Amino acid sequence: MKIVHVVYNMEMGGAEMLVAQLCRMQRGNGHQVEVCAYDKLGALGKVLREEGFTVHVMGEAPVPKTMLRYLKLFRRLRPDVVHCHNPAPTLQAAMGARLAGVDCVLATRHSLVSPPYDRAGEVKFSAWSWLWLDWVAGICEVTCENLRSAPLARREKVVRVYNGTSAIERIPVERVADEFRLLFVGRLAKIKDLGTLIRAVALAAERVPRLRLDVVGDGPVRGELEALARELGATERIRFHGQQLETARFFSGADVFAMSSVSEGLPMSLLQAMSLGLPAVLTDVGGMREVMDLSKSGLLAPVGDSAAMAEAIVRLANDEPLRAEFSRRAVATYQAEFTLERMDAEYMRLYRTAGHRGYGPACTAFIRPSGGRVPGPHPSGTTRRGVAGRR
């Protein structure tokens, strides 16, 4: 099967990490996999090219010109599947993929998509769903519920595919005796509200002097966060490590994983932490609440409540048996629900069962792939181009 993943760019981020891991697994399973990036190559794009993947960079252009570029590219590549990630790549590439005769066109929404909606944006996305997409995958049940409630939603096309990730391999790390280390891994953006976690650490340290926080990632609010740590007198216990391609040493050296976001879908870094058995302290929002309901492997605090988050940190720091139980549950839930293999299998099922479902004669009239036939379900159950069997 020939699969093309379409992204905005391949900079460091949760969705981009997922795409990179999915590319590797799908190629390892014998499929031909390429990536299209609209904006720029990015750090992960460079890594994929070094690993032998073809990563196309379309370049910024007006929307009609970008759509035409994708149409020409897909006619040349003739993929079986075009898998778009998030709204902008979907709006840019989905129509071209369908007009080029691609058997399966789907989109994954990697965020929470929570109300109040960007009404104009969601109406446009819903129209594209009606016209060009076989499936819209939400990364957790909350995302799916929000997608189904969006203006003009095509509810029957929305399916849940939990994010999955490769397990983190524990490696030996040097640690200062008796330190209790929290870890945050992610983009330093306003929506992550890392200031709440930093304030919580400063409060908790009054009762847990051995407390430390490692912040792994970069982003537009890093300077503000470093200034806040200085203001709170916490620079000795909070370290900013910047963007890191290899994060295993940070996960391996941590006792607890922490996030204080105001909105989250299903963060890859949380799933990576669970694979290593790290308990979690999280805000009670979106997919993070969903994961904690499934796993019972951490403690939740209200959004923006640094005092409640500090209490959760202190409780875990002082209760080793509770941490051990949370660790066991985290690993068990990761293995049952959030492996890369499970996610890949679910996407492959969607790829193989699309069959140009759900768009009508007004759209099929435009679609004339080689041979002049309108693609559609074959009596054998495959599509006419044989997506179920082509490698």
Protein backbone atom coordinates (compact mmCIF):
# COMPACT_ATOMS: atom_id res chain seq x y z
CA MET A 1 0.00 0.00 0.00
CA LYS A 2 1.25 3.50 -0.81
CA ILE A 3 0.49 5.99 1.98
CA VAL A 4 1.07 9.76 2.02
CA HIS A 5 0.82 11.68 5.29
CA VAL A 6 0.03 15.39 4.92
CA VAL A 7 1.09 17.79 7.70
CA TYR A 8 1.60 21.52 8.15
CA ASN A 9 5.27 20.98 8.99
CA MET A 10 7.47 18.44 10.74
CA GLU A 11 8.76 20.57 13.60
CA MET A 12 8.88 19.04 17.09
CA GLY A 13 5.36 18.53 18.38
CA GLY A 14 3.03 15.78 19.52
CA ALA A 15 1.19 15.31 16.21
CA GLU A 16 4.45 15.44 14.28
CA MET A 17 6.04 12.85 16.58
CA LEU A 18 3.03 10.61 16.00
CA VAL A 19 3.34 10.97 12.22
CA ALA A 20 7.06 10.13 12.34
CA GLN A 21 6.45 7.00 14.42
CA LEU A 22 3.55 5.93 12.21
CA CYS A 23 5.71 6.35 9.10
CA ARG A 24 8.40 4.11 10.56
CA MET A 25 5.95 1.40 11.59
CA GLN A 26 4.10 1.42 8.28
CA ARG A 27 7.33 1.21 6.29
CA GLY A 28 8.50 -1.60 8.58
CA ASN A 29 5.28 -3.45 7.71
CA GLY A 30 6.09 -3.28 4.01
CA HIS A 31 4.18 -0.20 2.89
CA GLN A 32 5.56 2.69 0.85
CA VAL A 33 5.26 5.86 2.94
CA GLU A 34 5.91 9.51 2.09
CA VAL A 35 5.22 12.82 3.86
CA CYS A 36 4.00 16.16 2.48
CA ALA A 37 4.69 19.28 4.55
CA TYR A 38 3.16 22.61 3.57
CA ASP A 39 5.13 25.14 5.59
CA LYS A 40 8.67 23.83 6.05
CA LEU A 41 10.66 20.67 6.61
CA GLY A 42 11.27 20.99 10.37
CA ALA A 43 13.54 19.06 12.72
CA LEU A 44 11.59 15.82 12.50
CA GLY A 45 11.37 16.15 8.72
CA LYS A 46 15.16 16.28 8.56
CA VAL A 47 15.37 13.14 10.69
CA LEU A 48 12.91 11.32 8.42
CA ARG A 49 14.91 12.28 5.33
CA GLU A 50 18.06 10.97 6.99
CA GLU A 51 16.17 7.70 7.58
CA GLY A 52 15.40 7.44 3.86
CA PHE A 53 11.84 8.79 3.74
CA THR A 54 10.73 11.15 0.99
CA VAL A 55 9.44 14.36 2.57
CA HIS A 56 7.92 16.82 0.10
CA VAL A 57 7.86 20.51 1.09
CA MET A 58 5.12 22.27 -0.84
CA GLY A 59 6.04 25.85 0.12
CA GLU A 60 3.71 28.65 1.17
CA ALA A 61 1.31 29.83 -1.53
CA PRO A 62 -2.29 31.04 -1.90
CA VAL A 63 -4.81 28.31 -1.10
CA PRO A 64 -5.95 27.65 -4.71
CA LYS A 65 -2.35 27.28 -5.87
CA THR A 66 -1.57 24.96 -2.95
CA MET A 67 -4.60 22.80 -3.79
CA LEU A 68 -3.46 22.55 -7.40
CA ARG A 69 0.05 21.55 -6.29
CA TYR A 70 -1.36 18.73 -4.18
CA LEU A 71 -3.59 17.55 -7.04
CA LYS A 72 -0.61 17.38 -9.40
CA LEU A 73 1.53 15.64 -6.79
CA PHE A 74 -1.09 12.99 -6.01
CA ARG A 75 -1.69 12.33 -9.71
CA ARG A 76 2.03 11.70 -10.07
CA LEU A 77 2.45 9.61 -6.90
CA ARG A 78 -0.85 7.66 -7.25
CA PRO A 79 -1.12 6.80 -3.53
CA ASP A 80 -3.72 4.43 -2.14
CA VAL A 81 -4.16 6.52 1.02
CA VAL A 82 -3.81 10.21 1.81
CA HIS A 83 -3.85 10.74 5.58
CA CYS A 84 -4.19 14.42 6.55
CA HIS A 85 -3.32 15.63 10.03
CA ASN A 86 -5.30 18.60 11.41
CA PRO A 87 -7.56 21.10 9.60
CA ALA A 88 -5.21 23.22 7.46
CA PRO A 89 -3.53 20.25 5.72
CA THR A 90 -6.98 18.69 5.22
CA LEU A 91 -8.41 21.80 3.58
CA GLN A 92 -5.33 22.10 1.37
CA ALA A 93 -4.92 18.47 0.28
CA ALA A 94 -8.14 16.45 0.63
CA MET A 95 -9.87 17.70 -2.51
CA GLY A 96 -6.78 17.14 -4.64
CA ALA A 97 -6.41 13.63 -3.24
CA ARG A 98 -9.99 12.73 -4.10
CA LEU A 99 -9.85 14.29 -7.56
CA ALA A 100 -6.64 12.36 -8.20
CA GLY A 101 -8.54 9.12 -7.55
CA VAL A 102 -7.04 8.23 -4.18
CA ASP A 103 -8.92 5.28 -2.66
CA CYS A 104 -8.93 6.46 0.98
CA VAL A 105 -8.76 10.05 2.18
CA LEU A 106 -9.01 10.65 5.91
CA ALA A 107 -8.14 13.30 8.46
CA THR A 108 -7.02 13.07 12.07
CA ARG A 109 -7.86 15.92 14.43
CA HIS A 110 -5.08 15.98 17.03
CA SER A 111 -6.55 18.57 19.40
CA LEU A 112 -9.55 18.69 21.70
CA VAL A 113 -11.69 20.71 19.19
CA SER A 114 -13.59 22.07 22.18
CA PRO A 115 -16.46 24.60 22.18
CA PRO A 116 -16.83 27.50 21.70
CA TYR A 117 -16.02 26.58 18.12
CA ASP A 118 -14.28 28.61 15.47
CA ARG A 119 -17.58 28.44 13.64
CA ALA A 120 -16.31 29.51 10.22
CA GLY A 121 -13.39 27.09 10.43
CA GLU A 122 -15.50 24.15 11.58
CA VAL A 123 -18.19 24.78 8.95
CA LYS A 124 -15.48 24.73 6.29
CA PHE A 125 -13.97 21.54 7.75
CA SER A 126 -17.42 19.89 7.91
CA ALA A 127 -18.07 20.80 4.27
CA TRP A 128 -14.76 19.17 3.33
CA SER A 129 -15.75 16.12 5.39
CA TRP A 130 -19.01 15.83 3.46
CA LEU A 131 -17.32 16.24 0.11
CA TRP A 132 -13.93 14.58 0.21
CA LEU A 133 -13.21 12.54 3.35
CA ASP A 134 -13.95 8.92 4.14
CA TRP A 135 -13.19 9.26 7.85
CA VAL A 136 -12.44 11.88 10.48
CA ALA A 137 -10.45 10.37 13.33
CA GLY A 138 -10.52 11.91 16.79
CA ILE A 139 -7.66 11.05 19.11
CA CYS A 140 -9.85 10.51 22.18
CA GLU A 141 -13.55 10.17 22.96
CA VAL A 142 -13.84 13.81 24.08
CA THR A 143 -12.45 14.98 20.73
CA CYS A 144 -14.95 12.75 18.91
CA GLU A 145 -17.87 14.09 20.96
CA ASN A 146 -16.80 17.65 20.18
CA LEU A 147 -16.41 16.85 16.47
CA ARG A 148 -19.88 15.31 16.32
CA SER A 149 -21.33 18.42 17.98
CA ALA A 150 -19.58 20.89 15.66
CA PRO A 151 -21.62 22.89 13.12
CA LEU A 152 -22.81 20.73 10.18
CA ALA A 153 -20.82 17.74 11.44
CA ARG A 154 -20.93 14.51 9.42
CA ARG A 155 -21.32 12.41 12.56
CA GLU A 156 -21.17 8.96 10.98
CA LYS A 157 -17.69 9.68 9.60
CA VAL A 158 -16.21 10.44 13.03
CA VAL A 159 -14.28 7.55 14.59
CA ARG A 160 -12.04 7.32 17.63
CA VAL A 161 -8.45 6.21 17.18
CA TYR A 162 -6.47 6.62 20.36
CA ASN A 163 -2.98 8.01 19.93
CA GLY A 164 -0.26 5.42 20.32
CA THR A 165 3.47 5.65 20.82
CA SER A 166 6.56 3.52 21.00
CA ALA A 167 7.47 2.57 24.55
CA ILE A 168 10.29 4.55 26.14
CA GLU A 169 13.29 2.37 26.87
CA ARG A 170 14.59 2.93 30.39
CA ILE A 171 18.28 3.84 30.39
CA PRO A 172 20.73 4.30 33.28
CA VAL A 173 20.94 7.91 34.49
CA GLU A 174 22.88 9.57 37.27
CA ARG A 175 20.68 10.99 40.01
CA VAL A 176 21.34 13.02 43.11
CA ALA A 177 20.40 10.94 46.15
CA ASP A 178 16.93 11.61 47.59
CA GLU A 179 15.83 14.03 44.84
CA PHE A 180 12.19 13.80 43.77
CA ARG A 181 11.97 14.72 40.09
CA LEU A 182 8.95 15.94 38.16
CA LEU A 183 9.05 16.00 34.36
CA PHE A 184 7.23 18.08 31.75
CA VAL A 185 7.80 17.35 28.05
CA GLY A 186 6.04 19.50 25.48
CA ARG A 187 5.84 22.79 23.65
CA LEU A 188 6.21 25.90 25.78
CA ALA A 189 3.04 27.61 24.59
CA LYS A 190 0.35 29.59 26.38
CA ILE A 191 -2.18 26.74 26.14
CA LYS A 192 0.12 24.51 28.22
CA ASP A 193 -0.18 26.97 31.15
CA LEU A 194 3.17 25.84 32.51
CA GLY A 195 3.11 28.80 34.88
CA THR A 196 0.58 26.90 37.01
CA LEU A 197 2.97 23.94 37.29
CA ILE A 198 5.92 26.21 38.14
CA ARG A 199 3.91 27.92 40.90
CA ALA A 200 2.79 24.50 42.16
CA VAL A 201 6.41 23.35 42.36
CA ALA A 202 7.37 26.46 44.32
CA LEU A 203 4.50 25.81 46.77
CA ALA A 204 5.16 22.08 47.10
CA ALA A 205 8.88 22.64 47.68
CA GLU A 206 8.06 24.26 51.02
CA ARG A 207 7.09 20.77 52.24
CA VAL A 208 9.22 18.69 49.85
CA PRO A 209 12.62 20.44 49.71
CA ARG A 210 14.06 17.64 47.54
CA LEU A 211 11.59 18.48 44.73
CA ARG A 212 12.96 19.24 41.25
CA LEU A 213 11.28 19.94 37.89
CA ASP A 214 12.78 19.26 34.45
CA VAL A 215 11.15 21.19 31.59
CA VAL A 216 11.92 19.65 28.20
CA GLY A 217 10.76 21.61 25.17
CA ASP A 218 10.82 25.07 23.65
CA GLY A 219 8.32 27.63 22.48
CA PRO A 220 7.17 31.24 22.47
CA VAL A 221 6.64 31.64 26.24
CA ARG A 222 9.92 30.15 27.42
CA GLY A 223 11.31 33.55 28.41
CA GLU A 224 8.23 34.34 30.50
CA LEU A 225 8.45 30.98 32.26
CA GLU A 226 12.14 31.40 33.06
CA ALA A 227 11.36 34.86 34.44
CA LEU A 228 8.60 33.39 36.61
CA ALA A 229 10.97 30.76 38.00
CA ARG A 230 13.44 33.54 38.91
CA GLU A 231 10.68 35.62 40.49
CA LEU A 232 9.66 32.66 42.68
CA GLY A 233 13.26 31.91 43.65
CA ALA A 234 12.97 28.48 42.03
CA THR A 235 15.79 28.56 39.50
CA GLU A 236 17.82 26.01 41.47
CA ARG A 237 15.04 23.45 41.36
CA ILE A 238 13.57 24.11 37.87
CA ARG A 239 15.74 23.40 34.82
CA PHE A 240 14.82 24.34 31.26
CA HIS A 241 16.47 21.94 28.82
CA GLY A 242 15.11 23.28 25.52
CA GLN A 243 14.08 21.17 22.56
CA GLN A 244 15.44 17.61 22.66
CA LEU A 245 15.17 14.96 19.96
CA GLU A 246 16.13 12.21 22.42
CA THR A 247 14.10 12.30 25.63
CA ALA A 248 14.62 8.82 27.10
CA ARG A 249 17.14 10.06 29.67
CA PHE A 250 14.63 12.59 31.03
CA PHE A 251 11.83 10.04 31.33
CA SER A 252 14.24 7.53 32.88
CA GLY A 253 15.33 10.02 35.53
CA ALA A 254 11.83 11.14 36.53
CA ASP A 255 9.58 10.05 39.40
CA VAL A 256 6.35 11.71 38.23
CA PHE A 257 5.12 13.22 34.95
CA ALA A 258 3.26 16.55 35.17
CA MET A 259 1.19 18.76 32.84
CA SER A 260 -0.96 21.80 33.67
CA SER A 261 -2.56 22.52 30.27
CA VAL A 262 -5.82 24.42 29.92
CA SER A 263 -6.74 22.25 26.91
CA GLU A 264 -5.37 18.91 25.72
CA GLY A 265 -6.33 16.15 23.36
CA LEU A 266 -4.19 13.11 24.09
CA PRO A 267 -0.56 14.22 24.63
CA MET A 268 2.09 11.87 23.29
CA SER A 269 4.43 12.71 26.16
CA LEU A 270 1.85 11.47 28.69
CA LEU A 271 1.58 8.15 26.87
CA GLN A 272 5.37 7.87 26.73
CA ALA A 273 5.51 8.48 30.48
CA MET A 274 2.90 5.78 31.05
CA SER A 275 4.91 3.30 28.98
CA LEU A 276 7.72 3.70 31.50
CA GLY A 277 5.38 3.50 34.49
CA LEU A 278 5.49 7.13 35.60
CA PRO A 279 2.56 8.29 37.77
CA ALA A 280 1.04 11.58 36.64
CA VAL A 281 -0.15 14.89 38.06
CA LEU A 282 -2.39 16.53 35.47
CA THR A 283 -5.07 19.14 35.01
CA ASP A 284 -8.63 17.84 34.78
CA VAL A 285 -9.17 18.53 31.10
CA GLY A 286 -9.93 16.74 27.84
CA GLY A 287 -8.14 13.55 26.95
CA MET A 288 -5.97 13.67 30.08
CA ARG A 289 -9.07 13.15 32.22
CA GLU A 290 -10.10 10.33 29.89
CA VAL A 291 -6.73 8.60 30.29
CA MET A 292 -6.85 8.93 34.07
CA ASP A 293 -10.39 7.51 34.13
CA LEU A 294 -9.10 4.52 32.17
CA SER A 295 -5.87 3.97 34.05
CA LYS A 296 -6.34 5.32 37.58
CA SER A 297 -2.62 6.06 37.41
CA GLY A 298 -2.39 9.66 38.60
CA LEU A 299 -3.96 12.65 40.31
CA LEU A 300 -5.97 15.47 38.74
CA ALA A 301 -6.16 19.15 39.68
CA PRO A 302 -8.52 21.86 38.40
CA VAL A 303 -7.24 24.00 35.55
CA GLY A 304 -5.19 26.96 36.79
CA ASP A 305 -5.20 25.77 40.43
CA SER A 306 -1.54 25.73 41.46
CA ALA A 307 -2.42 25.05 45.13
CA ALA A 308 -4.37 21.89 44.24
CA MET A 309 -1.59 20.76 41.94
CA ALA A 310 0.94 21.35 44.73
CA GLU A 311 -1.14 19.16 47.06
CA ALA A 312 -1.13 16.37 44.47
CA ILE A 313 2.64 16.65 44.07
CA VAL A 314 3.20 16.51 47.83
CA ARG A 315 0.91 13.51 48.18
CA LEU A 316 2.79 11.51 45.55
CA ALA A 317 6.19 12.58 46.88
CA ASN A 318 5.30 11.30 50.35
CA ASP A 319 3.47 8.09 49.37
CA GLU A 320 5.79 5.56 47.74
CA PRO A 321 3.24 2.67 47.80
CA LEU A 322 0.73 4.86 45.94
CA ARG A 323 3.36 5.72 43.33
CA ALA A 324 4.13 2.03 42.88
CA GLU A 325 0.45 1.19 42.35
CA PHE A 326 0.00 4.07 39.90
CA SER A 327 3.12 2.90 38.06
CA ARG A 328 1.73 -0.62 37.64
CA ARG A 329 -1.60 0.71 36.37
CA ALA A 330 0.08 3.13 33.95
CA VAL A 331 2.07 0.37 32.25
CA ALA A 332 -0.94 -1.96 32.07
CA THR A 333 -3.15 0.71 30.47
CA TYR A 334 -0.45 1.77 28.03
CA GLN A 335 0.00 -1.83 26.88
CA ALA A 336 -3.76 -2.35 26.51
CA GLU A 337 -4.74 0.93 24.83
CA PHE A 338 -1.90 3.18 23.70
CA THR A 339 0.78 1.19 21.88
CA LEU A 340 1.95 2.25 18.45
CA GLU A 341 1.00 -1.19 17.13
CA ARG A 342 -2.61 -0.80 18.26
CA MET A 343 -2.94 2.65 16.70
CA ASP A 344 -1.40 1.49 13.42
CA ALA A 345 -3.77 -1.50 13.25
CA GLU A 346 -6.79 0.77 13.72
CA TYR A 347 -5.65 3.16 11.01
CA MET A 348 -4.94 0.27 8.64
CA ARG A 349 -8.49 -0.96 9.19
CA LEU A 350 -9.80 2.48 8.22
CA TYR A 351 -7.51 2.61 5.18
CA ARG A 352 -8.83 -0.74 3.96
CA THR A 353 -12.54 -0.15 4.61
CA ALA A 354 -12.96 3.31 3.09
CA GLY A 355 -14.30 2.40 -0.34
CA HIS A 356 -15.22 6.03 -1.09
CA ARG A 357 -17.99 5.94 1.47
CA GLY A 358 -20.21 8.91 2.13
CA TYR A 359 -19.90 11.36 -0.74
CA GLY A 360 -22.52 11.67 -3.40
CA PRO A 361 -22.99 11.99 -7.17
CA ALA A 362 -22.17 15.70 -7.15
CA CYS A 363 -18.66 14.80 -6.03
CA THR A 364 -18.12 11.52 -7.87
CA ALA A 365 -18.82 13.27 -11.14
CA PHE A 366 -15.50 15.07 -10.79
CA ILE A 367 -13.42 11.96 -10.07
CA ARG A 368 -12.00 10.28 -13.15
CA PRO A 369 -8.78 8.43 -12.43
CA SER A 370 -6.77 6.61 -15.11
CA GLY A 371 -9.05 4.55 -17.34
CA GLY A 372 -11.90 7.02 -16.83
CA ARG A 373 -13.66 4.96 -14.16
CA VAL A 374 -15.22 6.41 -11.07
CA PRO A 375 -13.65 4.45 -8.19
CA GLY A 376 -15.99 2.70 -5.83
CA PRO A 377 -16.56 -0.48 -3.89
CA HIS A 378 -15.63 -3.64 -5.78
CA PRO A 379 -17.82 -6.73 -5.37
CA SER A 380 -14.88 -8.49 -3.73
CA GLY A 381 -14.90 -5.91 -0.93
CA THR A 382 -11.79 -4.07 -2.08
CA THR A 383 -11.84 -0.83 -4.03
CA ARG A 384 -11.28 -0.99 -7.77
CA ARG A 385 -7.65 -0.05 -7.42
CA GLY A 386 -7.21 -2.82 -4.88
CA VAL A 387 -6.21 -0.86 -1.78
CA ALA A 388 -6.65 -3.95 0.37
CA GLY A 389 -3.98 -5.87 -1.47
CA ARG A 390 -1.60 -3.37 -3.03
CA ARG A 391 1.73 -2.90 -1.23
